């Protein structure tokens, strides 16, 4: 299991998450991604849906998706 903190990328983390899944996560391995859901002081859950859609489009398995704290979200992915 590997963990990646993408909070520093704010709402621009999708390309990096995709790149990490392509290059750093082995088939069958579980990865945890941490990202922000607050933009300009407001919760924006579009990032949650967009990241779930990205995982689905890749054919990987979304194992879990949950709020980490007041501003952050985590998703747990198993690479196929």
PDB file of N, CA and C in Angstrom:
ATOM      1  N   UNK A   1       0.850  -1.164   0.000  1.00  0.00           N
ATOM      2  CA  UNK A   1       0.000   0.000   0.000  1.00  0.00           C
ATOM      3  C   UNK A   1       0.903   1.237   0.000  1.00  0.00           C
ATOM      4  N   UNK A   2       0.552   2.178  -0.861  1.00  0.00           N
ATOM      5  CA  UNK A   2       1.300   3.424  -0.949  1.00  0.00           C
ATOM      6  C   UNK A   2       0.335   4.590  -0.752  1.00  0.00           C
ATOM      7  N   UNK A   3       0.864   5.698  -0.253  1.00  0.00           N
ATOM      8  CA  UNK A   3       0.045   6.875   0.027  1.00  0.00           C
ATOM      9  C   UNK A   3       0.653   8.072  -0.695  1.00  0.00           C
ATOM     10  N   UNK A   4      -0.206   8.852  -1.328  1.00  0.00           N
ATOM     11  CA  UNK A   4       0.240  10.046  -2.058  1.00  0.00           C
ATOM     12  C   UNK A   4      -0.559  11.253  -1.590  1.00  0.00           C
ATOM     13  N   UNK A   5       0.144  12.275  -1.179  1.00  0.00           N
ATOM     14  CA  UNK A   5      -0.465  13.517  -0.732  1.00  0.00           C
ATOM     15  C   UNK A   5      -0.469  14.496  -1.901  1.00  0.00           C
ATOM     16  N   UNK A   6      -1.647  14.772  -2.432  1.00  0.00           N
ATOM     17  CA  UNK A   6      -1.781  15.655  -3.587  1.00  0.00           C
ATOM     18  C   UNK A   6      -2.402  17.003  -3.201  1.00  0.00           C
ATOM     19  N   UNK A   7      -2.480  17.281  -1.908  1.00  0.00           N
ATOM     20  CA  UNK A   7      -3.120  18.515  -1.445  1.00  0.00           C
ATOM     21  C   UNK A   7      -2.433  19.770  -1.961  1.00  0.00           C
ATOM     22  N   UNK A   8      -1.133  19.717  -2.137  1.00  0.00           N
ATOM     23  CA  UNK A   8      -0.392  20.895  -2.607  1.00  0.00           C
ATOM     24  C   UNK A   8      -0.764  21.291  -4.041  1.00  0.00           C
ATOM     25  N   UNK A   9      -1.417  20.390  -4.770  1.00  0.00           N
ATOM     26  CA  UNK A   9      -1.826  20.673  -6.150  1.00  0.00           C
ATOM     27  C   UNK A   9      -3.214  21.300  -6.222  1.00  0.00           C
ATOM     28  N   UNK A  10      -3.865  21.422  -5.062  1.00  0.00           N
ATOM     29  CA  UNK A  10      -5.209  21.990  -4.959  1.00  0.00           C
ATOM     30  C   UNK A  10      -6.155  21.256  -5.915  1.00  0.00           C
ATOM     31  N   UNK A  11      -6.887  21.967  -6.781  1.00  0.00           N
ATOM     32  CA  UNK A  11      -7.853  21.288  -7.659  1.00  0.00           C
ATOM     33  C   UNK A  11      -7.212  20.759  -8.947  1.00  0.00           C
ATOM     34  N   UNK A  12      -5.908  20.862  -9.074  1.00  0.00           N
ATOM     35  CA  UNK A  12      -5.204  20.419 -10.282  1.00  0.00           C
ATOM     36  C   UNK A  12      -4.431  19.120 -10.048  1.00  0.00           C
ATOM     37  N   UNK A  13      -5.033  18.162  -9.390  1.00  0.00           N
ATOM     38  CA  UNK A  13      -4.321  16.939  -9.013  1.00  0.00           C
ATOM     39  C   UNK A  13      -4.603  15.748  -9.931  1.00  0.00           C
ATOM     40  N   UNK A  14      -5.554  15.851 -10.826  1.00  0.00           N
ATOM     41  CA  UNK A  14      -5.987  14.690 -11.615  1.00  0.00           C
ATOM     42  C   UNK A  14      -4.880  14.116 -12.491  1.00  0.00           C
ATOM     43  N   UNK A  15      -4.154  14.975 -13.195  1.00  0.00           N
ATOM     44  CA  UNK A  15      -3.072  14.493 -14.059  1.00  0.00           C
ATOM     45  C   UNK A  15      -1.999  13.782 -13.251  1.00  0.00           C
ATOM     46  N   UNK A  16      -1.680  14.335 -12.081  1.00  0.00           N
ATOM     47  CA  UNK A  16      -0.647  13.724 -11.245  1.00  0.00           C
ATOM     48  C   UNK A  16      -1.114  12.375 -10.690  1.00  0.00           C
ATOM     49  N   UNK A  17      -2.379  12.290 -10.283  1.00  0.00           N
ATOM     50  CA  UNK A  17      -2.918  11.024  -9.791  1.00  0.00           C
ATOM     51  C   UNK A  17      -2.869   9.970 -10.897  1.00  0.00           C
ATOM     52  N   UNK A  18      -3.246  10.335 -12.096  1.00  0.00           N
ATOM     53  CA  UNK A  18      -3.204   9.434 -13.239  1.00  0.00           C
ATOM     54  C   UNK A  18      -1.770   8.987 -13.529  1.00  0.00           C
ATOM     55  N   UNK A  19      -0.847   9.935 -13.489  1.00  0.00           N
ATOM     56  CA  UNK A  19       0.570   9.638 -13.729  1.00  0.00           C
ATOM     57  C   UNK A  19       1.106   8.669 -12.668  1.00  0.00           C
ATOM     58  N   UNK A  20       0.775   8.905 -11.408  1.00  0.00           N
ATOM     59  CA  UNK A  20       1.230   8.021 -10.337  1.00  0.00           C
ATOM     60  C   UNK A  20       0.675   6.613 -10.511  1.00  0.00           C
ATOM     61  N   UNK A  21      -0.587   6.508 -10.871  1.00  0.00           N
ATOM     62  CA  UNK A  21      -1.174   5.193 -11.102  1.00  0.00           C
ATOM     63  C   UNK A  21      -0.511   4.487 -12.279  1.00  0.00           C
ATOM     64  N   UNK A  22      -0.178   5.231 -13.313  1.00  0.00           N
ATOM     65  CA  UNK A  22       0.485   4.644 -14.481  1.00  0.00           C
ATOM     66  C   UNK A  22       1.901   4.186 -14.169  1.00  0.00           C
ATOM     67  N   UNK A  23       2.657   4.997 -13.435  1.00  0.00           N
ATOM     68  CA  UNK A  23       4.094   4.789 -13.319  1.00  0.00           C
ATOM     69  C   UNK A  23       4.587   4.278 -11.969  1.00  0.00           C
ATOM     70  N   UNK A  24       3.839   4.495 -10.890  1.00  0.00           N
ATOM     71  CA  UNK A  24       4.361   4.186  -9.570  1.00  0.00           C
ATOM     72  C   UNK A  24       3.609   3.081  -8.836  1.00  0.00           C
ATOM     73  N   UNK A  25       2.381   2.825  -9.235  1.00  0.00           N
ATOM     74  CA  UNK A  25       1.562   1.828  -8.549  1.00  0.00           C
ATOM     75  C   UNK A  25       1.549   0.547  -9.383  1.00  0.00           C
ATOM     76  N   UNK A  26       1.883  -0.557  -8.729  1.00  0.00           N
ATOM     77  CA  UNK A  26       1.921  -1.843  -9.420  1.00  0.00           C
ATOM     78  C   UNK A  26       0.519  -2.429  -9.532  1.00  0.00           C
ATOM     79  N   UNK A  27       0.335  -3.269 -10.519  1.00  0.00           N
ATOM     80  CA  UNK A  27      -0.939  -3.955 -10.700  1.00  0.00           C
ATOM     81  C   UNK A  27      -1.287  -4.743  -9.435  1.00  0.00           C
ATOM     82  N   UNK A  28      -2.511  -4.567  -8.955  1.00  0.00           N
ATOM     83  CA  UNK A  28      -2.962  -5.241  -7.745  1.00  0.00           C
ATOM     84  C   UNK A  28      -2.648  -4.489  -6.464  1.00  0.00           C
ATOM     85  N   UNK A  29      -1.810  -3.486  -6.545  1.00  0.00           N
ATOM     86  CA  UNK A  29      -1.427  -2.704  -5.367  1.00  0.00           C
ATOM     87  C   UNK A  29      -2.515  -1.681  -5.027  1.00  0.00           C
ATOM     88  N   UNK A  30      -2.619  -1.352  -3.753  1.00  0.00           N
ATOM     89  CA  UNK A  30      -3.573  -0.359  -3.277  1.00  0.00           C
ATOM     90  C   UNK A  30      -2.848   0.957  -3.037  1.00  0.00           C
ATOM     91  N   UNK A  31      -3.468   2.042  -3.512  1.00  0.00           N
ATOM     92  CA  UNK A  31      -2.913   3.384  -3.325  1.00  0.00           C
ATOM     93  C   UNK A  31      -3.951   4.265  -2.639  1.00  0.00           C
ATOM     94  N   UNK A  32      -3.469   5.104  -1.753  1.00  0.00           N
ATOM     95  CA  UNK A  32      -4.320   6.077  -1.067  1.00  0.00           C
ATOM     96  C   UNK A  32      -3.928   7.456  -1.566  1.00  0.00           C
ATOM     97  N   UNK A  33      -4.912   8.211  -2.029  1.00  0.00           N
ATOM     98  CA  UNK A  33      -4.677   9.572  -2.508  1.00  0.00           C
ATOM     99  C   UNK A  33      -5.403  10.557  -1.602  1.00  0.00           C
ATOM    100  N   UNK A  34      -4.686  11.584  -1.197  1.00  0.00           N
ATOM    101  CA  UNK A  34      -5.232  12.630  -0.347  1.00  0.00           C
ATOM    102  C   UNK A  34      -5.268  13.919  -1.154  1.00  0.00           C
ATOM    103  N   UNK A  35      -6.446  14.579  -1.218  1.00  0.00           N
ATOM    104  CA  UNK A  35      -6.568  15.824  -1.966  1.00  0.00           C
ATOM    105  C   UNK A  35      -7.556  16.753  -1.282  1.00  0.00           C
ATOM    106  N   UNK A  36      -7.558  18.010  -1.685  1.00  0.00           N
ATOM    107  CA  UNK A  36      -8.425  19.021  -1.085  1.00  0.00           C
ATOM    108  C   UNK A  36      -9.809  19.020  -1.722  1.00  0.00           C
ATOM    109  N   UNK A  37     -10.833  19.287  -0.900  1.00  0.00           N
ATOM    110  CA  UNK A  37     -12.179  19.487  -1.419  1.00  0.00           C
ATOM    111  C   UNK A  37     -12.691  20.895  -1.117  1.00  0.00           C
ATOM    112  N   UNK A  38     -11.805  21.741  -0.610  1.00  0.00           N
ATOM    113  CA  UNK A  38     -12.180  23.123  -0.327  1.00  0.00           C
ATOM    114  C   UNK A  38     -11.414  24.024  -1.280  1.00  0.00           C
ATOM    115  N   UNK A  39     -12.155  24.874  -1.967  1.00  0.00           N
ATOM    116  CA  UNK A  39     -11.571  25.824  -2.904  1.00  0.00           C
ATOM    117  C   UNK A  39     -12.175  27.186  -2.620  1.00  0.00           C
ATOM    118  N   UNK A  40     -11.332  28.177  -2.443  1.00  0.00           N
ATOM    119  CA  UNK A  40     -11.778  29.536  -2.124  1.00  0.00           C
ATOM    120  C   UNK A  40     -12.690  29.556  -0.899  1.00  0.00           C
ATOM    121  N   UNK A  41     -12.378  28.745   0.091  1.00  0.00           N
ATOM    122  CA  UNK A  41     -13.123  28.723   1.333  1.00  0.00           C
ATOM    123  C   UNK A  41     -14.434  27.971   1.305  1.00  0.00           C
ATOM    124  N   UNK A  42     -14.784  27.351   0.180  1.00  0.00           N
ATOM    125  CA  UNK A  42     -16.046  26.615   0.066  1.00  0.00           C
ATOM    126  C   UNK A  42     -15.775  25.168  -0.311  1.00  0.00           C
ATOM    127  N   UNK A  43     -16.586  24.264   0.248  1.00  0.00           N
ATOM    128  CA  UNK A  43     -16.457  22.854  -0.125  1.00  0.00           C
ATOM    129  C   UNK A  43     -16.914  22.668  -1.562  1.00  0.00           C
ATOM    130  N   UNK A  44     -16.103  21.940  -2.316  1.00  0.00           N
ATOM    131  CA  UNK A  44     -16.412  21.663  -3.712  1.00  0.00           C
ATOM    132  C   UNK A  44     -16.210  20.168  -3.938  1.00  0.00           C
ATOM    133  N   UNK A  45     -17.305  19.431  -3.923  1.00  0.00           N
ATOM    134  CA  UNK A  45     -17.220  17.980  -4.036  1.00  0.00           C
ATOM    135  C   UNK A  45     -17.112  17.503  -5.472  1.00  0.00           C
ATOM    136  N   UNK A  46     -17.006  18.420  -6.416  1.00  0.00           N
ATOM    137  CA  UNK A  46     -16.797  18.048  -7.815  1.00  0.00           C
ATOM    138  C   UNK A  46     -15.512  17.229  -7.959  1.00  0.00           C
ATOM    139  N   UNK A  47     -14.503  17.566  -7.159  1.00  0.00           N
ATOM    140  CA  UNK A  47     -13.233  16.837  -7.217  1.00  0.00           C
ATOM    141  C   UNK A  47     -13.420  15.368  -6.839  1.00  0.00           C
ATOM    142  N   UNK A  48     -14.326  15.098  -5.911  1.00  0.00           N
ATOM    143  CA  UNK A  48     -14.578  13.721  -5.484  1.00  0.00           C
ATOM    144  C   UNK A  48     -15.172  12.926  -6.646  1.00  0.00           C
ATOM    145  N   UNK A  49     -16.194  13.474  -7.272  1.00  0.00           N
ATOM    146  CA  UNK A  49     -16.831  12.777  -8.390  1.00  0.00           C
ATOM    147  C   UNK A  49     -15.877  12.638  -9.573  1.00  0.00           C
ATOM    148  N   UNK A  50     -15.126  13.695  -9.855  1.00  0.00           N
ATOM    149  CA  UNK A  50     -14.200  13.661 -10.986  1.00  0.00           C
ATOM    150  C   UNK A  50     -13.097  12.617 -10.762  1.00  0.00           C
ATOM    151  N   UNK A  51     -12.608  12.508  -9.538  1.00  0.00           N
ATOM    152  CA  UNK A  51     -11.576  11.503  -9.263  1.00  0.00           C
ATOM    153  C   UNK A  51     -12.165  10.092  -9.352  1.00  0.00           C
ATOM    154  N   UNK A  52     -13.392   9.897  -8.879  1.00  0.00           N
ATOM    155  CA  UNK A  52     -14.038   8.583  -9.001  1.00  0.00           C
ATOM    156  C   UNK A  52     -14.253   8.228 -10.466  1.00  0.00           C
ATOM    157  N   UNK A  53     -14.654   9.208 -11.265  1.00  0.00           N
ATOM    158  CA  UNK A  53     -14.832   8.973 -12.699  1.00  0.00           C
ATOM    159  C   UNK A  53     -13.514   8.607 -13.371  1.00  0.00           C
ATOM    160  N   UNK A  54     -12.423   9.263 -12.957  1.00  0.00           N
ATOM    161  CA  UNK A  54     -11.110   8.964 -13.514  1.00  0.00           C
ATOM    162  C   UNK A  54     -10.719   7.523 -13.212  1.00  0.00           C
ATOM    163  N   UNK A  55     -10.919   7.103 -11.969  1.00  0.00           N
ATOM    164  CA  UNK A  55     -10.567   5.731 -11.577  1.00  0.00           C
ATOM    165  C   UNK A  55     -11.392   4.731 -12.383  1.00  0.00           C
ATOM    166  N   UNK A  56     -12.683   4.991 -12.511  1.00  0.00           N
ATOM    167  CA  UNK A  56     -13.560   4.093 -13.271  1.00  0.00           C
ATOM    168  C   UNK A  56     -13.133   4.018 -14.733  1.00  0.00           C
ATOM    169  N   UNK A  57     -12.804   5.161 -15.330  1.00  0.00           N
ATOM    170  CA  UNK A  57     -12.415   5.185 -16.743  1.00  0.00           C
ATOM    171  C   UNK A  57     -11.109   4.434 -16.993  1.00  0.00           C
ATOM    172  N   UNK A  58     -10.268   4.369 -15.982  1.00  0.00           N
ATOM    173  CA  UNK A  58      -9.003   3.639 -16.102  1.00  0.00           C
ATOM    174  C   UNK A  58      -9.211   2.136 -15.972  1.00  0.00           C
ATOM    175  N   UNK A  59     -10.347   1.738 -15.405  1.00  0.00           N
ATOM    176  CA  UNK A  59     -10.596   0.322 -15.161  1.00  0.00           C
ATOM    177  C   UNK A  59     -10.062  -0.135 -13.819  1.00  0.00           C
ATOM    178  N   UNK A  60      -9.628   0.806 -12.979  1.00  0.00           N
ATOM    179  CA  UNK A  60      -9.156   0.466 -11.643  1.00  0.00           C
ATOM    180  C   UNK A  60     -10.347   0.398 -10.692  1.00  0.00           C
ATOM    181  N   UNK A  61     -10.125  -0.067  -9.478  1.00  0.00           N
ATOM    182  CA  UNK A  61     -11.200  -0.270  -8.517  1.00  0.00           C
ATOM    183  C   UNK A  61     -11.133   0.762  -7.396  1.00  0.00           C
ATOM    184  N   UNK A  62     -12.202   1.519  -7.226  1.00  0.00           N
ATOM    185  CA  UNK A  62     -12.306   2.474  -6.129  1.00  0.00           C
ATOM    186  C   UNK A  62     -12.800   1.707  -4.905  1.00  0.00           C
ATOM    187  N   UNK A  63     -11.937   1.571  -3.908  1.00  0.00           N
ATOM    188  CA  UNK A  63     -12.266   0.787  -2.725  1.00  0.00           C
ATOM    189  C   UNK A  63     -12.962   1.617  -1.657  1.00  0.00           C
ATOM    190  N   UNK A  64     -12.582   2.889  -1.552  1.00  0.00           N
ATOM    191  CA  UNK A  64     -13.150   3.734  -0.513  1.00  0.00           C
ATOM    192  C   UNK A  64     -12.970   5.194  -0.894  1.00  0.00           C
ATOM    193  N   UNK A  65     -13.875   6.019  -0.411  1.00  0.00           N
ATOM    194  CA  UNK A  65     -13.827   7.453  -0.649  1.00  0.00           C
ATOM    195  C   UNK A  65     -14.436   8.115   0.573  1.00  0.00           C
ATOM    196  N   UNK A  66     -13.644   8.909   1.296  1.00  0.00           N
ATOM    197  CA  UNK A  66     -14.171   9.494   2.519  1.00  0.00           C
ATOM    198  C   UNK A  66     -13.510  10.819   2.858  1.00  0.00           C
ATOM    199  N   UNK A  67     -14.256  11.596   3.619  1.00  0.00           N
ATOM    200  CA  UNK A  67     -13.764  12.887   4.084  1.00  0.00           C
ATOM    201  C   UNK A  67     -12.720  12.634   5.165  1.00  0.00           C
ATOM    202  N   UNK A  68     -11.555  13.250   5.011  1.00  0.00           N
ATOM    203  CA  UNK A  68     -10.440  13.039   5.927  1.00  0.00           C
ATOM    204  C   UNK A  68     -10.510  14.015   7.099  1.00  0.00           C
ATOM    205  N   UNK A  69     -10.817  15.253   6.812  1.00  0.00           N
ATOM    206  CA  UNK A  69     -10.998  16.290   7.829  1.00  0.00           C
ATOM    207  C   UNK A  69     -11.869  17.380   7.209  1.00  0.00           C
ATOM    208  N   UNK A  70     -11.805  18.579   7.682  1.00  0.00           N
ATOM    209  CA  UNK A  70     -12.684  19.642   7.188  1.00  0.00           C
ATOM    210  C   UNK A  70     -12.398  20.077   5.753  1.00  0.00           C
ATOM    211  N   UNK A  71     -11.190  19.876   5.264  1.00  0.00           N
ATOM    212  CA  UNK A  71     -10.836  20.369   3.930  1.00  0.00           C
ATOM    213  C   UNK A  71     -10.289  19.302   2.987  1.00  0.00           C
ATOM    214  N   UNK A  72     -10.034  18.110   3.483  1.00  0.00           N
ATOM    215  CA  UNK A  72      -9.368  17.094   2.674  1.00  0.00           C
ATOM    216  C   UNK A  72     -10.228  15.849   2.492  1.00  0.00           C
ATOM    217  N   UNK A  73      -9.922  15.116   1.423  1.00  0.00           N
ATOM    218  CA  UNK A  73     -10.635  13.892   1.071  1.00  0.00           C
ATOM    219  C   UNK A  73      -9.604  12.818   0.755  1.00  0.00           C
ATOM    220  N   UNK A  74      -9.945  11.571   1.007  1.00  0.00           N
ATOM    221  CA  UNK A  74      -9.075  10.465   0.613  1.00  0.00           C
ATOM    222  C   UNK A  74      -9.861   9.498  -0.268  1.00  0.00           C
ATOM    223  N   UNK A  75      -9.166   8.934  -1.234  1.00  0.00           N
ATOM    224  CA  UNK A  75      -9.720   7.820  -1.989  1.00  0.00           C
ATOM    225  C   UNK A  75      -8.711   6.678  -1.942  1.00  0.00           C
ATOM    226  N   UNK A  76      -9.235   5.487  -1.901  1.00  0.00           N
ATOM    227  CA  UNK A  76      -8.397   4.285  -1.861  1.00  0.00           C
ATOM    228  C   UNK A  76      -8.691   3.518  -3.146  1.00  0.00           C
ATOM    229  N   UNK A  77      -7.619   3.212  -3.886  1.00  0.00           N
ATOM    230  CA  UNK A  77      -7.733   2.633  -5.223  1.00  0.00           C
ATOM    231  C   UNK A  77      -6.892   1.370  -5.326  1.00  0.00           C
ATOM    232  N   UNK A  78      -7.449   0.338  -5.935  1.00  0.00           N
ATOM    233  CA  UNK A  78      -6.666  -0.844  -6.293  1.00  0.00           C
ATOM    234  C   UNK A  78      -6.451  -0.816  -7.793  1.00  0.00           C
ATOM    235  N   UNK A  79      -5.185  -0.808  -8.182  1.00  0.00           N
ATOM    236  CA  UNK A  79      -4.859  -0.794  -9.605  1.00  0.00           C
ATOM    237  C   UNK A  79      -5.087  -2.183 -10.185  1.00  0.00           C
ATOM    238  N   UNK A  80      -5.778  -2.233 -11.308  1.00  0.00           N
ATOM    239  CA  UNK A  80      -6.050  -3.510 -11.993  1.00  0.00           C
ATOM    240  C   UNK A  80      -4.859  -3.923 -12.824  1.00  0.00           C
TER     241      UNK A  80
END
